[in-house]
Amino acid sequence: MVPRTAPVSVQQDEYSGGGEPISPAPETSHSSPATSSEHHHVVRCPSRKCPGLLTVSERDYNFHSGLETWVCNACGHRGFRSREGVIHLFRGGYEFKFSYGPSTQTITVVLSSAAVNLWGTHGVNDEHLAKMAAEWTLLCGNTTTPVNLGLPSEEFADFYLYFCGD
């Protein structure tokens, strides 16, 4: 018997990993917001109704957690961002676990099917959505509490407004 092989091609697109995360919706009075601390030095503040921008505080980098501290120039909010980005560890259904930097801490993101369907209309798949939520919760200053993007949820509303505008 002769083994047969068939050529396989994998199409790469913006949702197949390694792509840039979706950036927050820009305010009309600000320039384009950041998507990564490696490439940009400002990010829109995730606090409600705050028009400010977060800038990285290099002196507040935590070598144990791998997190940079970002501070808002308007309200003083302090959030975090990993220099390496969040690392997807595993998933079970719509529950995702992420890690960041050298830290042993994890971030749990739980998505609802309604959230996955809604974001799917924006071209965002469930894995990308979970990664966006993990990065957003760090930016909000949360390093321990699970993110639950269910409907209805105040957390989901804040997340949606941050990325899609007020």
N, C-alpha and C. Protein backbone atom coordinates (compact mmCIF):
# COMPACT_ATOMS: atom_id res chain seq x y z
N MET A 1 0.84 -1.18 0.00
CA MET A 1 0.00 0.00 0.00
C MET A 1 0.89 1.25 0.00
N VAL A 2 0.58 2.18 -0.86
CA VAL A 2 1.35 3.41 -0.98
C VAL A 2 0.65 4.50 -0.17
N PRO A 3 1.36 5.12 0.78
CA PRO A 3 0.72 6.19 1.54
C PRO A 3 0.49 7.41 0.64
N ARG A 4 -0.66 8.02 0.81
CA ARG A 4 -0.99 9.20 0.02
C ARG A 4 -1.03 10.40 0.94
N THR A 5 -0.53 11.47 0.45
CA THR A 5 -0.58 12.72 1.20
C THR A 5 -1.20 13.78 0.32
N ALA A 6 -1.88 14.65 0.95
CA ALA A 6 -2.51 15.75 0.23
C ALA A 6 -1.94 17.05 0.76
N PRO A 7 -1.71 18.01 -0.12
CA PRO A 7 -1.21 19.30 0.36
C PRO A 7 -2.29 19.99 1.20
N VAL A 8 -1.85 20.62 2.27
CA VAL A 8 -2.76 21.34 3.15
C VAL A 8 -2.28 22.77 3.25
N SER A 9 -3.17 23.69 3.06
CA SER A 9 -2.80 25.10 3.24
C SER A 9 -3.65 25.68 4.35
N VAL A 10 -3.03 26.53 5.14
CA VAL A 10 -3.72 27.20 6.24
C VAL A 10 -3.74 28.68 5.93
N GLN A 11 -4.93 29.21 5.84
CA GLN A 11 -5.06 30.63 5.54
C GLN A 11 -4.86 31.41 6.83
N GLN A 12 -3.96 32.38 6.81
CA GLN A 12 -3.71 33.25 7.96
C GLN A 12 -4.50 34.53 7.77
N ASP A 13 -5.18 34.94 8.83
CA ASP A 13 -5.87 36.22 8.79
C ASP A 13 -5.74 36.88 10.15
N GLU A 14 -6.45 37.98 10.37
CA GLU A 14 -6.31 38.73 11.61
C GLU A 14 -6.87 38.00 12.82
N TYR A 15 -7.56 36.87 12.64
CA TYR A 15 -8.14 36.15 13.77
C TYR A 15 -7.43 34.83 14.04
N SER A 16 -6.35 34.55 13.34
CA SER A 16 -5.69 33.26 13.50
C SER A 16 -4.50 33.33 14.43
N GLY A 17 -4.47 34.27 15.32
CA GLY A 17 -3.43 34.36 16.33
C GLY A 17 -2.28 35.23 15.87
N GLY A 18 -1.60 35.81 16.84
CA GLY A 18 -0.43 36.61 16.54
C GLY A 18 -0.75 37.98 15.98
N GLY A 19 -2.02 38.27 15.78
CA GLY A 19 -2.39 39.56 15.23
C GLY A 19 -2.46 40.62 16.31
N GLU A 20 -2.59 41.83 15.89
CA GLU A 20 -2.72 42.93 16.83
C GLU A 20 -4.11 42.93 17.44
N PRO A 21 -4.24 43.22 18.73
CA PRO A 21 -5.56 43.29 19.32
C PRO A 21 -6.33 44.49 18.79
N ILE A 22 -7.64 44.40 18.84
CA ILE A 22 -8.47 45.51 18.43
C ILE A 22 -8.24 46.65 19.40
N SER A 23 -8.04 47.83 18.88
CA SER A 23 -7.78 48.96 19.75
C SER A 23 -9.09 49.56 20.24
N PRO A 24 -9.04 50.26 21.39
CA PRO A 24 -10.24 50.90 21.90
C PRO A 24 -10.74 51.96 20.93
N ALA A 25 -12.04 52.21 20.97
CA ALA A 25 -12.63 53.22 20.10
C ALA A 25 -12.02 54.58 20.43
N PRO A 26 -11.56 55.29 19.42
CA PRO A 26 -10.92 56.58 19.68
C PRO A 26 -11.94 57.64 20.06
N GLU A 27 -11.53 58.51 20.95
CA GLU A 27 -12.32 59.69 21.26
C GLU A 27 -12.07 60.68 20.13
N THR A 28 -13.01 61.55 19.88
CA THR A 28 -12.85 62.48 18.77
C THR A 28 -11.74 63.49 19.04
N SER A 29 -11.45 63.78 20.32
CA SER A 29 -10.44 64.78 20.62
C SER A 29 -9.05 64.18 20.80
N HIS A 30 -8.90 62.87 20.67
CA HIS A 30 -7.62 62.21 20.87
C HIS A 30 -7.11 61.61 19.58
N SER A 31 -5.81 61.39 19.56
CA SER A 31 -5.25 60.66 18.43
C SER A 31 -5.57 59.18 18.60
N SER A 32 -5.20 58.39 17.64
CA SER A 32 -5.48 56.95 17.67
C SER A 32 -4.91 56.30 18.92
N PRO A 33 -5.72 55.51 19.67
CA PRO A 33 -5.26 54.90 20.90
C PRO A 33 -4.27 53.77 20.66
N ALA A 34 -3.59 53.39 21.71
CA ALA A 34 -2.56 52.35 21.60
C ALA A 34 -3.16 50.96 21.59
N THR A 35 -2.44 50.03 21.01
CA THR A 35 -2.83 48.63 21.05
C THR A 35 -1.79 47.79 21.75
N SER A 36 -0.60 48.31 21.98
CA SER A 36 0.45 47.55 22.63
C SER A 36 1.48 48.51 23.20
N SER A 37 1.93 48.22 24.41
CA SER A 37 2.90 49.09 25.04
C SER A 37 4.23 49.08 24.30
N GLU A 38 4.48 48.06 23.49
CA GLU A 38 5.72 47.98 22.76
C GLU A 38 5.76 49.00 21.63
N HIS A 39 4.61 49.39 21.10
CA HIS A 39 4.57 50.24 19.93
C HIS A 39 4.02 51.64 20.23
N HIS A 40 3.30 51.81 21.32
CA HIS A 40 2.64 53.07 21.59
C HIS A 40 2.87 53.47 23.05
N HIS A 41 2.73 54.74 23.32
CA HIS A 41 3.00 55.24 24.65
C HIS A 41 1.77 55.80 25.35
N VAL A 42 0.59 55.76 24.71
CA VAL A 42 -0.65 56.21 25.33
C VAL A 42 -1.78 55.24 25.02
N VAL A 43 -2.72 55.14 25.95
CA VAL A 43 -3.90 54.29 25.81
C VAL A 43 -5.06 55.04 26.43
N ARG A 44 -6.23 54.91 25.85
CA ARG A 44 -7.43 55.53 26.40
C ARG A 44 -7.73 54.98 27.79
N CYS A 45 -8.12 55.83 28.72
CA CYS A 45 -8.44 55.41 30.09
C CYS A 45 -9.71 54.57 30.10
N PRO A 46 -9.70 53.42 30.82
CA PRO A 46 -10.89 52.57 30.87
C PRO A 46 -11.93 53.02 31.89
N SER A 47 -11.63 54.05 32.69
CA SER A 47 -12.59 54.54 33.67
C SER A 47 -13.76 55.20 32.96
N ARG A 48 -14.96 54.99 33.50
CA ARG A 48 -16.17 55.54 32.88
C ARG A 48 -16.11 57.05 32.77
N LYS A 49 -16.48 57.53 31.62
CA LYS A 49 -16.59 58.96 31.32
C LYS A 49 -15.29 59.74 31.48
N CYS A 50 -14.17 59.07 31.59
CA CYS A 50 -12.89 59.77 31.70
C CYS A 50 -12.33 60.01 30.30
N PRO A 51 -12.05 61.26 29.96
CA PRO A 51 -11.51 61.56 28.64
C PRO A 51 -9.98 61.42 28.58
N GLY A 52 -9.37 61.03 29.69
CA GLY A 52 -7.91 61.00 29.77
C GLY A 52 -7.24 59.86 29.04
N LEU A 53 -5.94 59.95 29.00
CA LEU A 53 -5.11 58.92 28.38
C LEU A 53 -4.17 58.34 29.42
N LEU A 54 -3.92 57.05 29.30
CA LEU A 54 -2.96 56.39 30.18
C LEU A 54 -1.59 56.44 29.52
N THR A 55 -0.58 56.69 30.33
CA THR A 55 0.79 56.61 29.85
C THR A 55 1.55 55.64 30.75
N VAL A 56 2.54 54.99 30.18
CA VAL A 56 3.29 54.00 30.93
C VAL A 56 4.21 54.70 31.93
N SER A 57 4.27 54.13 33.12
CA SER A 57 5.15 54.63 34.17
C SER A 57 6.31 53.64 34.28
N GLU A 58 7.40 53.92 33.57
CA GLU A 58 8.54 53.00 33.50
C GLU A 58 9.10 52.66 34.89
N ARG A 59 9.06 53.62 35.81
CA ARG A 59 9.64 53.37 37.14
C ARG A 59 8.80 52.41 37.97
N ASP A 60 7.54 52.18 37.57
CA ASP A 60 6.66 51.29 38.31
C ASP A 60 6.55 49.90 37.69
N TYR A 61 7.51 49.50 36.88
CA TYR A 61 7.50 48.16 36.30
C TYR A 61 7.78 47.14 37.40
N ASN A 62 6.95 46.09 37.46
CA ASN A 62 7.11 45.04 38.47
C ASN A 62 7.78 43.84 37.82
N PHE A 63 9.03 43.58 38.19
CA PHE A 63 9.79 42.48 37.58
C PHE A 63 9.25 41.11 37.97
N HIS A 64 8.57 41.02 39.12
CA HIS A 64 8.03 39.73 39.56
C HIS A 64 6.77 39.35 38.80
N SER A 65 5.92 40.33 38.52
CA SER A 65 4.68 40.04 37.81
C SER A 65 4.82 40.23 36.30
N GLY A 66 5.78 41.04 35.89
CA GLY A 66 5.94 41.34 34.47
C GLY A 66 4.96 42.40 33.98
N LEU A 67 4.39 43.16 34.92
CA LEU A 67 3.38 44.16 34.54
C LEU A 67 3.94 45.58 34.61
N GLU A 68 3.61 46.36 33.58
CA GLU A 68 3.89 47.78 33.59
C GLU A 68 2.69 48.47 34.24
N THR A 69 2.93 49.57 34.91
CA THR A 69 1.84 50.37 35.46
C THR A 69 1.56 51.51 34.49
N TRP A 70 0.27 51.71 34.19
CA TRP A 70 -0.16 52.78 33.31
C TRP A 70 -1.02 53.73 34.14
N VAL A 71 -0.79 55.04 34.02
CA VAL A 71 -1.46 56.04 34.84
C VAL A 71 -2.19 57.03 33.96
N CYS A 72 -3.44 57.36 34.35
CA CYS A 72 -4.25 58.31 33.59
C CYS A 72 -3.83 59.74 33.93
N ASN A 73 -3.70 60.57 32.91
CA ASN A 73 -3.32 61.96 33.10
C ASN A 73 -4.48 62.83 33.57
N ALA A 74 -5.71 62.32 33.51
CA ALA A 74 -6.88 63.12 33.92
C ALA A 74 -7.43 62.70 35.28
N CYS A 75 -7.67 61.40 35.48
CA CYS A 75 -8.32 60.96 36.73
C CYS A 75 -7.37 60.25 37.69
N GLY A 76 -6.16 59.94 37.26
CA GLY A 76 -5.21 59.26 38.13
C GLY A 76 -5.37 57.75 38.20
N HIS A 77 -6.30 57.19 37.41
CA HIS A 77 -6.50 55.73 37.40
C HIS A 77 -5.18 55.04 37.11
N ARG A 78 -4.95 53.90 37.80
CA ARG A 78 -3.74 53.10 37.58
C ARG A 78 -4.15 51.71 37.11
N GLY A 79 -3.66 51.33 35.94
CA GLY A 79 -3.93 50.01 35.39
C GLY A 79 -2.62 49.33 35.04
N PHE A 80 -2.73 48.14 34.46
CA PHE A 80 -1.54 47.35 34.16
C PHE A 80 -1.56 46.85 32.73
N ARG A 81 -0.39 46.53 32.24
CA ARG A 81 -0.25 45.91 30.93
C ARG A 81 1.02 45.07 30.96
N SER A 82 0.94 43.90 30.38
CA SER A 82 2.10 43.02 30.31
C SER A 82 2.94 43.38 29.10
N ARG A 83 4.24 43.49 29.30
CA ARG A 83 5.13 43.79 28.17
C ARG A 83 5.08 42.70 27.12
N GLU A 84 4.89 41.47 27.55
CA GLU A 84 4.84 40.34 26.62
C GLU A 84 3.44 40.05 26.13
N GLY A 85 2.46 40.74 26.65
CA GLY A 85 1.07 40.45 26.33
C GLY A 85 0.56 39.31 27.19
N VAL A 86 -0.73 39.05 27.14
CA VAL A 86 -1.28 37.93 27.90
C VAL A 86 -1.05 36.64 27.13
N ILE A 87 -0.86 35.56 27.86
CA ILE A 87 -0.54 34.27 27.26
C ILE A 87 -1.70 33.32 27.52
N HIS A 88 -2.31 32.83 26.44
CA HIS A 88 -3.44 31.90 26.57
C HIS A 88 -2.91 30.55 27.05
N LEU A 89 -3.39 30.10 28.20
CA LEU A 89 -2.94 28.82 28.76
C LEU A 89 -3.84 27.68 28.30
N PHE A 90 -5.15 27.80 28.58
CA PHE A 90 -6.09 26.77 28.16
C PHE A 90 -7.50 27.31 28.25
N ARG A 91 -8.43 26.51 27.75
CA ARG A 91 -9.84 26.88 27.80
C ARG A 91 -10.67 25.65 28.05
N GLY A 92 -11.83 25.87 28.62
CA GLY A 92 -12.84 24.83 28.79
C GLY A 92 -14.17 25.45 28.44
N GLY A 93 -14.71 25.13 27.28
CA GLY A 93 -15.94 25.76 26.82
C GLY A 93 -15.68 27.24 26.56
N TYR A 94 -16.43 28.09 27.27
CA TYR A 94 -16.25 29.53 27.14
C TYR A 94 -15.48 30.11 28.32
N GLU A 95 -14.74 29.30 29.04
CA GLU A 95 -13.88 29.78 30.13
C GLU A 95 -12.43 29.68 29.67
N PHE A 96 -11.72 30.79 29.76
CA PHE A 96 -10.34 30.88 29.30
C PHE A 96 -9.43 31.25 30.46
N LYS A 97 -8.22 30.72 30.47
CA LYS A 97 -7.20 31.08 31.46
C LYS A 97 -6.02 31.70 30.74
N PHE A 98 -5.57 32.83 31.27
CA PHE A 98 -4.43 33.54 30.71
C PHE A 98 -3.40 33.78 31.80
N SER A 99 -2.16 33.90 31.39
CA SER A 99 -1.06 34.26 32.27
C SER A 99 -0.39 35.48 31.66
N TYR A 100 0.55 36.06 32.39
CA TYR A 100 1.28 37.20 31.86
C TYR A 100 2.66 37.24 32.49
N GLY A 101 3.64 37.62 31.68
CA GLY A 101 5.01 37.76 32.15
C GLY A 101 5.50 36.55 32.91
N PRO A 102 6.40 36.75 33.87
CA PRO A 102 6.93 35.65 34.67
C PRO A 102 6.02 35.27 35.84
N SER A 103 4.90 35.95 35.98
CA SER A 103 3.99 35.72 37.10
C SER A 103 3.34 34.34 37.04
N THR A 104 3.04 33.79 38.21
CA THR A 104 2.30 32.53 38.27
C THR A 104 0.81 32.79 38.41
N GLN A 105 0.40 34.05 38.51
CA GLN A 105 -1.01 34.39 38.61
C GLN A 105 -1.68 34.19 37.25
N THR A 106 -2.97 33.90 37.30
CA THR A 106 -3.73 33.74 36.07
C THR A 106 -4.93 34.66 36.08
N ILE A 107 -5.41 34.95 34.90
CA ILE A 107 -6.63 35.72 34.70
C ILE A 107 -7.64 34.78 34.08
N THR A 108 -8.83 34.72 34.67
CA THR A 108 -9.91 33.89 34.14
C THR A 108 -10.90 34.78 33.42
N VAL A 109 -11.26 34.40 32.21
CA VAL A 109 -12.27 35.11 31.43
C VAL A 109 -13.38 34.13 31.11
N VAL A 110 -14.61 34.49 31.48
CA VAL A 110 -15.78 33.66 31.19
C VAL A 110 -16.67 34.43 30.22
N LEU A 111 -16.92 33.84 29.07
CA LEU A 111 -17.76 34.46 28.05
C LEU A 111 -19.13 33.80 28.04
N SER A 112 -20.14 34.58 27.71
CA SER A 112 -21.47 33.99 27.48
C SER A 112 -21.64 33.80 25.98
N SER A 113 -22.54 32.92 25.60
CA SER A 113 -22.78 32.72 24.17
C SER A 113 -23.34 34.00 23.54
N ALA A 114 -24.10 34.77 24.31
CA ALA A 114 -24.63 36.04 23.79
C ALA A 114 -23.49 37.01 23.48
N ALA A 115 -22.49 37.07 24.36
CA ALA A 115 -21.35 37.95 24.13
C ALA A 115 -20.56 37.50 22.90
N VAL A 116 -20.36 36.20 22.78
CA VAL A 116 -19.64 35.66 21.62
C VAL A 116 -20.39 35.99 20.33
N ASN A 117 -21.71 35.83 20.35
CA ASN A 117 -22.51 36.14 19.16
C ASN A 117 -22.48 37.63 18.83
N LEU A 118 -22.59 38.49 19.85
CA LEU A 118 -22.57 39.93 19.61
C LEU A 118 -21.23 40.36 19.02
N TRP A 119 -20.14 39.93 19.63
CA TRP A 119 -18.82 40.31 19.13
C TRP A 119 -18.52 39.66 17.79
N GLY A 120 -19.15 38.52 17.52
CA GLY A 120 -18.99 37.88 16.21
C GLY A 120 -19.48 38.78 15.09
N THR A 121 -20.48 39.62 15.38
CA THR A 121 -20.97 40.56 14.37
C THR A 121 -19.93 41.64 14.06
N HIS A 122 -18.95 41.81 14.95
CA HIS A 122 -17.84 42.75 14.74
C HIS A 122 -16.62 42.04 14.15
N GLY A 123 -16.77 40.75 13.86
CA GLY A 123 -15.65 39.99 13.29
C GLY A 123 -14.66 39.49 14.32
N VAL A 124 -15.07 39.41 15.59
CA VAL A 124 -14.17 38.97 16.66
C VAL A 124 -14.59 37.57 17.10
N ASN A 125 -13.67 36.60 17.01
CA ASN A 125 -14.00 35.25 17.44
C ASN A 125 -13.84 35.11 18.95
N ASP A 126 -14.26 33.99 19.52
CA ASP A 126 -14.27 33.83 20.97
C ASP A 126 -12.87 33.88 21.60
N GLU A 127 -11.87 33.33 20.94
CA GLU A 127 -10.51 33.37 21.50
C GLU A 127 -9.96 34.78 21.52
N HIS A 128 -10.18 35.52 20.45
CA HIS A 128 -9.73 36.91 20.39
C HIS A 128 -10.49 37.76 21.41
N LEU A 129 -11.77 37.52 21.56
CA LEU A 129 -12.58 38.23 22.54
C LEU A 129 -12.06 37.99 23.95
N ALA A 130 -11.74 36.75 24.28
CA ALA A 130 -11.22 36.43 25.60
C ALA A 130 -9.89 37.13 25.85
N LYS A 131 -9.04 37.17 24.84
CA LYS A 131 -7.74 37.85 24.98
C LYS A 131 -7.95 39.35 25.19
N MET A 132 -8.86 39.94 24.42
CA MET A 132 -9.17 41.36 24.60
C MET A 132 -9.66 41.63 26.01
N ALA A 133 -10.51 40.75 26.54
CA ALA A 133 -11.06 40.92 27.89
C ALA A 133 -9.96 40.80 28.94
N ALA A 134 -9.02 39.88 28.76
CA ALA A 134 -7.92 39.73 29.71
C ALA A 134 -7.03 40.98 29.71
N GLU A 135 -6.74 41.51 28.53
CA GLU A 135 -5.92 42.72 28.45
C GLU A 135 -6.66 43.92 29.03
N TRP A 136 -7.96 44.00 28.78
CA TRP A 136 -8.78 45.09 29.29
C TRP A 136 -8.86 45.06 30.81
N THR A 137 -9.05 43.88 31.40
CA THR A 137 -9.18 43.80 32.85
C THR A 137 -7.88 44.20 33.54
N LEU A 138 -6.74 43.88 32.93
CA LEU A 138 -5.46 44.35 33.48
C LEU A 138 -5.40 45.88 33.41
N LEU A 139 -5.82 46.43 32.28
CA LEU A 139 -5.81 47.88 32.11
C LEU A 139 -6.73 48.56 33.13
N CYS A 140 -7.78 47.85 33.55
CA CYS A 140 -8.69 48.37 34.57
C CYS A 140 -8.10 48.25 35.98
N GLY A 141 -6.96 47.57 36.11
CA GLY A 141 -6.32 47.42 37.41
C GLY A 141 -6.60 46.10 38.09
N ASN A 142 -7.30 45.20 37.43
CA ASN A 142 -7.68 43.92 38.01
C ASN A 142 -6.65 42.85 37.63
N THR A 143 -6.08 42.20 38.63
CA THR A 143 -5.14 41.10 38.36
C THR A 143 -5.63 39.78 38.94
N THR A 144 -6.75 39.79 39.68
CA THR A 144 -7.18 38.55 40.35
C THR A 144 -8.63 38.15 40.10
N THR A 145 -9.54 39.10 40.04
CA THR A 145 -10.96 38.79 39.92
C THR A 145 -11.29 38.30 38.51
N PRO A 146 -12.02 37.18 38.38
CA PRO A 146 -12.40 36.70 37.05
C PRO A 146 -13.26 37.72 36.30
N VAL A 147 -13.10 37.76 35.00
CA VAL A 147 -13.89 38.63 34.14
C VAL A 147 -15.06 37.81 33.62
N ASN A 148 -16.28 38.30 33.83
CA ASN A 148 -17.46 37.58 33.38
C ASN A 148 -18.19 38.45 32.37
N LEU A 149 -18.04 38.11 31.10
CA LEU A 149 -18.71 38.88 30.05
C LEU A 149 -20.02 38.21 29.68
N GLY A 150 -20.96 38.31 30.58
CA GLY A 150 -22.29 37.79 30.35
C GLY A 150 -23.26 38.94 30.19
N LEU A 151 -24.40 38.64 29.61
CA LEU A 151 -25.45 39.65 29.45
C LEU A 151 -26.58 39.33 30.40
N PRO A 152 -27.12 40.20 31.18
CA PRO A 152 -26.65 41.56 31.41
C PRO A 152 -25.53 41.56 32.44
N SER A 153 -24.62 42.44 32.29
CA SER A 153 -23.50 42.56 33.21
C SER A 153 -22.90 43.95 33.07
N GLU A 154 -22.66 44.59 34.19
CA GLU A 154 -22.05 45.91 34.16
C GLU A 154 -20.64 45.83 33.55
N GLU A 155 -19.96 44.74 33.85
CA GLU A 155 -18.62 44.52 33.32
C GLU A 155 -18.66 44.42 31.79
N PHE A 156 -19.65 43.71 31.27
CA PHE A 156 -19.78 43.57 29.82
C PHE A 156 -20.05 44.93 29.19
N ALA A 157 -20.93 45.72 29.80
CA ALA A 157 -21.26 47.04 29.26
C ALA A 157 -20.01 47.93 29.23
N ASP A 158 -19.24 47.93 30.32
CA ASP A 158 -18.02 48.74 30.36
C ASP A 158 -17.03 48.30 29.28
N PHE A 159 -16.87 46.99 29.14
CA PHE A 159 -15.96 46.43 28.14
C PHE A 159 -16.40 46.83 26.73
N TYR A 160 -17.68 46.66 26.44
CA TYR A 160 -18.21 46.98 25.11
C TYR A 160 -18.04 48.47 24.80
N LEU A 161 -18.37 49.33 25.76
CA LEU A 161 -18.24 50.76 25.53
C LEU A 161 -16.79 51.19 25.35
N TYR A 162 -15.88 50.54 26.04
CA TYR A 162 -14.46 50.88 25.90
C TYR A 162 -13.98 50.62 24.47
N PHE A 163 -14.36 49.50 23.90
CA PHE A 163 -13.89 49.15 22.57
C PHE A 163 -14.74 49.72 21.45
N CYS A 164 -16.01 49.98 21.70
CA CYS A 164 -16.90 50.42 20.62
C CYS A 164 -17.33 51.87 20.75
N GLY A 165 -16.89 52.56 21.77
CA GLY A 165 -17.20 53.97 21.92
C GLY A 165 -18.41 54.20 22.80
N ASP A 166 -18.50 55.42 23.28
CA ASP A 166 -19.60 55.79 24.20
C ASP A 166 -20.82 56.23 23.45
